[in-house]
Amino acid sequence: MIEALKLNGIDTIYGLPGIPITDLTRRAQADGLRVLSFRHEQNAGYAASIAGFLTQKPGICLTVSAPGFLNGLNALAHATVNCFPMILISGSSEREIVDLQQGDYEEMDQLAIAKPVAKAAFRVLHAEDIGVGIARAIRAAVVGPPGRRVPRPAGQAVRAEHRCGRRQSIADQGGRSGAASRSRRRRRSSARSTC
């Protein structure tokens, strides 16, 4: 995981080291990553989201499973809504145990909980797939429309575009000409500058 983060230009991890991830944070520091520890996962998550906003590289929040994950989840939800690139990496119980609800220590279906509030959420099952998982998470955080704000053109606009055989700007789709909308934008900007 450390190598995958470094290969993708990540140099700082925000988190609250706990027993399941203590060795990972020590090794990350030894390998040259900056590990900033907080007293609460929510604070670490908000620091990671703000770092993502300021640098436009994903801020990485590392937490323990279950309660640590839930504490970091609030910051992830805020980062998603505000379109800040952030990745929450959390420990987890074995998938089979979680799926069967066998009562494992800190058992929780974190994937199901994260999906509604994250731009992308997935589980890495094998250690050899961690690099791919990190790369997927970084790609999801920085590529495409940020956060949950995905523009979806109405069906009529899409059909009109295909019939005409040309691309139209969003302003053109409402029946307005491009010149009229450019003129309207100029009037608005000049009105703002006179205030």
Protein backbone atom coordinates (compact mmCIF):
# COMPACT_ATOMS: atom_id res chain seq x y z
CA MET A 1 0.00 0.00 0.00
CA ILE A 2 2.79 2.42 0.85
CA GLU A 3 4.47 1.89 -2.51
CA ALA A 4 1.15 2.39 -4.33
CA LEU A 5 0.56 5.68 -2.51
CA LYS A 6 4.07 6.91 -3.29
CA LEU A 7 3.81 5.89 -6.96
CA ASN A 8 0.65 7.99 -7.24
CA GLY A 9 2.24 11.11 -5.76
CA ILE A 10 0.74 10.83 -2.26
CA ASP A 11 3.15 11.96 0.44
CA THR A 12 0.92 12.50 3.50
CA ILE A 13 -1.49 10.27 5.44
CA TYR A 14 -3.94 11.66 8.01
CA GLY A 15 -5.29 9.35 10.66
CA LEU A 16 -5.55 7.98 14.13
CA PRO A 17 -3.24 4.99 14.55
CA GLY A 18 -4.92 2.08 16.26
CA ILE A 19 -3.85 -1.48 16.91
CA PRO A 20 -4.82 -2.87 13.46
CA ILE A 21 -2.94 -0.14 11.55
CA THR A 22 -0.12 0.85 13.91
CA ASP A 23 2.51 -1.21 12.06
CA LEU A 24 1.37 0.23 8.74
CA THR A 25 1.76 3.81 9.95
CA ARG A 26 5.21 3.07 11.40
CA ARG A 27 6.31 1.50 8.12
CA ALA A 28 4.86 4.44 6.15
CA GLN A 29 6.93 6.86 8.24
CA ALA A 30 10.04 4.71 7.79
CA ASP A 31 9.48 4.71 4.02
CA GLY A 32 9.28 8.50 3.86
CA LEU A 33 5.55 9.21 4.01
CA ARG A 34 4.41 11.93 6.36
CA VAL A 35 1.89 10.56 8.88
CA LEU A 36 -0.13 13.16 10.75
CA SER A 37 -1.94 11.70 13.76
CA PHE A 38 -5.04 13.18 15.34
CA ARG A 39 -7.03 12.49 18.51
CA HIS A 40 -10.20 11.67 16.56
CA GLU A 41 -10.78 10.14 13.11
CA GLN A 42 -13.26 12.85 12.17
CA ASN A 43 -10.58 15.51 12.60
CA ALA A 44 -8.17 13.44 10.52
CA GLY A 45 -10.83 13.06 7.83
CA TYR A 46 -11.52 16.78 7.68
CA ALA A 47 -7.79 17.50 7.48
CA ALA A 48 -7.50 15.02 4.59
CA SER A 49 -10.45 16.56 2.76
CA ILE A 50 -9.07 20.09 3.13
CA ALA A 51 -5.65 18.90 1.96
CA GLY A 52 -7.39 17.43 -1.08
CA PHE A 53 -9.15 20.72 -1.73
CA LEU A 54 -5.96 22.77 -1.42
CA THR A 55 -3.66 20.47 -3.42
CA GLN A 56 -6.21 18.90 -5.81
CA LYS A 57 -4.57 15.57 -4.99
CA PRO A 58 -6.62 13.16 -2.87
CA GLY A 59 -6.17 13.57 0.87
CA ILE A 60 -5.73 10.14 2.46
CA CYS A 61 -7.46 9.36 5.76
CA LEU A 62 -6.45 6.06 7.38
CA THR A 63 -8.65 4.62 10.13
CA VAL A 64 -9.26 1.40 11.99
CA SER A 65 -12.38 -0.59 11.17
CA ALA A 66 -15.96 -0.08 12.42
CA PRO A 67 -15.99 2.84 14.91
CA GLY A 68 -12.91 4.44 13.34
CA PHE A 69 -14.44 4.05 9.90
CA LEU A 70 -17.73 5.61 11.07
CA ASN A 71 -15.87 8.53 12.63
CA GLY A 72 -14.08 9.22 9.34
CA LEU A 73 -17.23 8.74 7.25
CA ASN A 74 -18.70 12.14 8.15
CA ALA A 75 -15.66 13.88 6.68
CA LEU A 76 -15.90 11.68 3.57
CA ALA A 77 -19.55 12.65 3.08
CA HIS A 78 -18.66 16.34 3.38
CA ALA A 79 -15.76 15.91 0.94
CA THR A 80 -18.08 14.22 -1.56
CA VAL A 81 -20.76 16.91 -1.35
CA ASN A 82 -18.16 19.70 -1.54
CA CYS A 83 -16.28 17.98 -4.39
CA PHE A 84 -12.99 17.68 -2.49
CA PRO A 85 -10.76 14.75 -3.52
CA MET A 86 -10.44 12.50 -0.47
CA ILE A 87 -9.91 8.79 0.13
CA LEU A 88 -10.89 6.99 3.32
CA ILE A 89 -8.91 3.78 3.84
CA SER A 90 -10.13 1.60 6.69
CA GLY A 91 -9.35 -1.80 8.10
CA SER A 92 -12.07 -4.43 7.97
CA SER A 93 -13.04 -7.86 9.21
CA GLU A 94 -12.88 -10.80 6.81
CA ARG A 95 -15.58 -10.53 4.15
CA GLU A 96 -17.01 -13.99 4.82
CA ILE A 97 -17.47 -13.17 8.49
CA VAL A 98 -19.14 -9.84 7.71
CA ASP A 99 -21.42 -11.43 5.10
CA LEU A 100 -22.50 -14.19 7.47
CA GLN A 101 -22.79 -11.83 10.46
CA GLN A 102 -20.86 -14.18 12.73
CA GLY A 103 -20.09 -11.59 15.39
CA ASP A 104 -16.44 -10.82 14.64
CA TYR A 105 -14.57 -8.07 16.48
CA GLU A 106 -15.67 -4.72 15.00
CA GLU A 107 -17.74 -6.51 12.36
CA MET A 108 -19.54 -4.09 10.05
CA ASP A 109 -20.45 -4.02 6.36
CA GLN A 110 -18.45 -0.87 5.71
CA LEU A 111 -18.86 -1.11 1.94
CA ALA A 112 -22.65 -0.92 2.13
CA ILE A 113 -22.44 2.02 4.54
CA ALA A 114 -19.91 3.98 2.41
CA LYS A 115 -21.60 3.61 -0.99
CA PRO A 116 -24.37 6.21 -0.49
CA VAL A 117 -21.97 8.95 0.65
CA ALA A 118 -18.90 8.30 -1.50
CA LYS A 119 -18.17 8.88 -5.16
CA ALA A 120 -16.80 5.32 -5.30
CA ALA A 121 -16.56 2.56 -2.71
CA PHE A 122 -15.06 -0.89 -3.03
CA ARG A 123 -13.40 -3.66 -1.04
CA VAL A 124 -9.91 -5.04 -1.70
CA LEU A 125 -9.89 -8.72 -0.83
CA HIS A 126 -6.29 -9.78 -1.55
CA ALA A 127 -3.02 -8.12 -0.53
CA GLU A 128 -1.68 -8.31 -4.10
CA ASP A 129 -4.64 -6.17 -5.27
CA ILE A 130 -3.97 -3.25 -2.91
CA GLY A 131 -2.00 -1.32 -5.54
CA VAL A 132 -4.84 -1.62 -8.03
CA GLY A 133 -7.34 -0.62 -5.34
CA ILE A 134 -5.32 2.51 -4.47
CA ALA A 135 -5.02 3.44 -8.15
CA ARG A 136 -8.79 2.98 -8.66
CA ALA A 137 -9.55 5.12 -5.62
CA ILE A 138 -7.23 7.91 -6.74
CA ARG A 139 -8.69 7.84 -10.24
CA ALA A 140 -12.24 8.01 -8.89
CA ALA A 141 -11.28 10.94 -6.64
CA VAL A 142 -9.72 13.11 -9.35
CA VAL A 143 -11.19 12.09 -12.72
CA GLY A 144 -14.58 13.03 -14.08
CA PRO A 145 -17.15 15.17 -12.41
CA PRO A 146 -16.13 15.90 -8.82
CA GLY A 147 -18.19 14.43 -6.02
CA ARG A 148 -21.85 13.59 -6.60
CA ARG A 149 -22.61 16.51 -8.91
CA VAL A 150 -23.07 14.73 -12.21
CA PRO A 151 -24.92 16.73 -14.87
CA ARG A 152 -27.49 14.61 -16.67
CA PRO A 153 -28.92 16.22 -19.82
CA ALA A 154 -32.60 15.70 -20.42
CA GLY A 155 -33.53 13.03 -22.96
CA GLN A 156 -34.83 15.64 -25.42
CA ALA A 157 -31.50 17.47 -25.44
CA VAL A 158 -29.60 14.25 -26.12
CA ARG A 159 -31.96 13.26 -28.96
CA ALA A 160 -31.75 16.76 -30.48
CA GLU A 161 -27.98 16.59 -30.46
CA HIS A 162 -27.99 13.29 -32.36
CA ARG A 163 -30.57 14.52 -34.91
CA CYS A 164 -28.65 17.68 -35.71
CA GLY A 165 -25.37 15.82 -35.97
CA ARG A 166 -23.53 18.50 -34.02
CA ARG A 167 -22.64 19.21 -30.44
CA GLN A 168 -24.54 21.97 -28.70
CA SER A 169 -23.57 23.95 -25.67
CA ILE A 170 -25.81 23.81 -22.61
CA ALA A 171 -26.94 27.39 -23.37
CA ASP A 172 -27.94 26.40 -26.93
CA GLN A 173 -30.14 23.52 -25.76
CA GLY A 174 -32.84 25.78 -24.37
CA GLY A 175 -33.66 27.17 -27.82
CA ARG A 176 -31.35 30.14 -27.39
CA SER A 177 -28.69 30.93 -29.93
CA GLY A 178 -25.05 30.91 -28.90
CA ALA A 179 -24.74 34.62 -29.74
CA ALA A 180 -27.69 35.50 -27.51
CA SER A 181 -26.29 33.61 -24.53
CA ARG A 182 -22.82 35.14 -25.03
CA SER A 183 -24.46 38.58 -25.12
CA ARG A 184 -26.40 37.77 -21.91
CA ARG A 185 -23.17 36.67 -20.17
CA ARG A 186 -21.44 39.90 -21.22
CA ARG A 187 -24.31 41.99 -19.80
CA ARG A 188 -24.18 40.07 -16.50
CA SER A 189 -20.42 40.44 -16.16
CA SER A 190 -20.53 44.16 -16.94
CA ALA A 191 -23.37 44.60 -14.42
CA ARG A 192 -21.27 42.86 -11.77
CA SER A 193 -18.26 45.05 -12.46
CA THR A 194 -20.26 48.25 -11.95
CA CYS A 195 -21.52 47.27 -8.48
